[in-house]
Amino acid sequence: MKREIFEISAEINGISNIIVGLSNQLDNSKTDTLSTESMQQAMFCISTYLDRIVEDLDDIDMLIEENKEKEANRMGKVKELLITILSTSTDQELQEMLEDDSASEIAKVCIKEEIKFRKGGPNNE
């Protein structure tokens, strides 16, 4: 990744200040007037700068998506492991775990899947 989010935020703030400064060109009494060529160059530079920021944000978005996929894959493995461990529990133990308020939601989902599997549910092969 080329830039961190806080750097991009600072850059956007800088662009905002540049635009405010250029807007002074609309009021002749506040500043000297830029030539048309200078104004075009300034606008082109802002456009180029914003395009680069978009690329940096795309890179950040891609990294976020990759991390989400890795986390989903990791959670899938954790779920498999939990179901394997639950398969050694009795039906009564599973029921007690379901009723236990301290059990996590993912654990309860896995317990329900194990119970469904034992009863010949759609995941049963």
Foldseek 3Di string as FASTA:
>chain_A
DPDDPVVLVVVVVVLVVVVVVQVCLVPCVPDPHDDPVVSVVSVVVSVVSVVVSVVVVVVVVVVVVVVVVVVVVVVVVVLVVLLVVCLPDDPVVLVVLLVDPVRDPSSNVSSVVSVCCVVVHPVPD
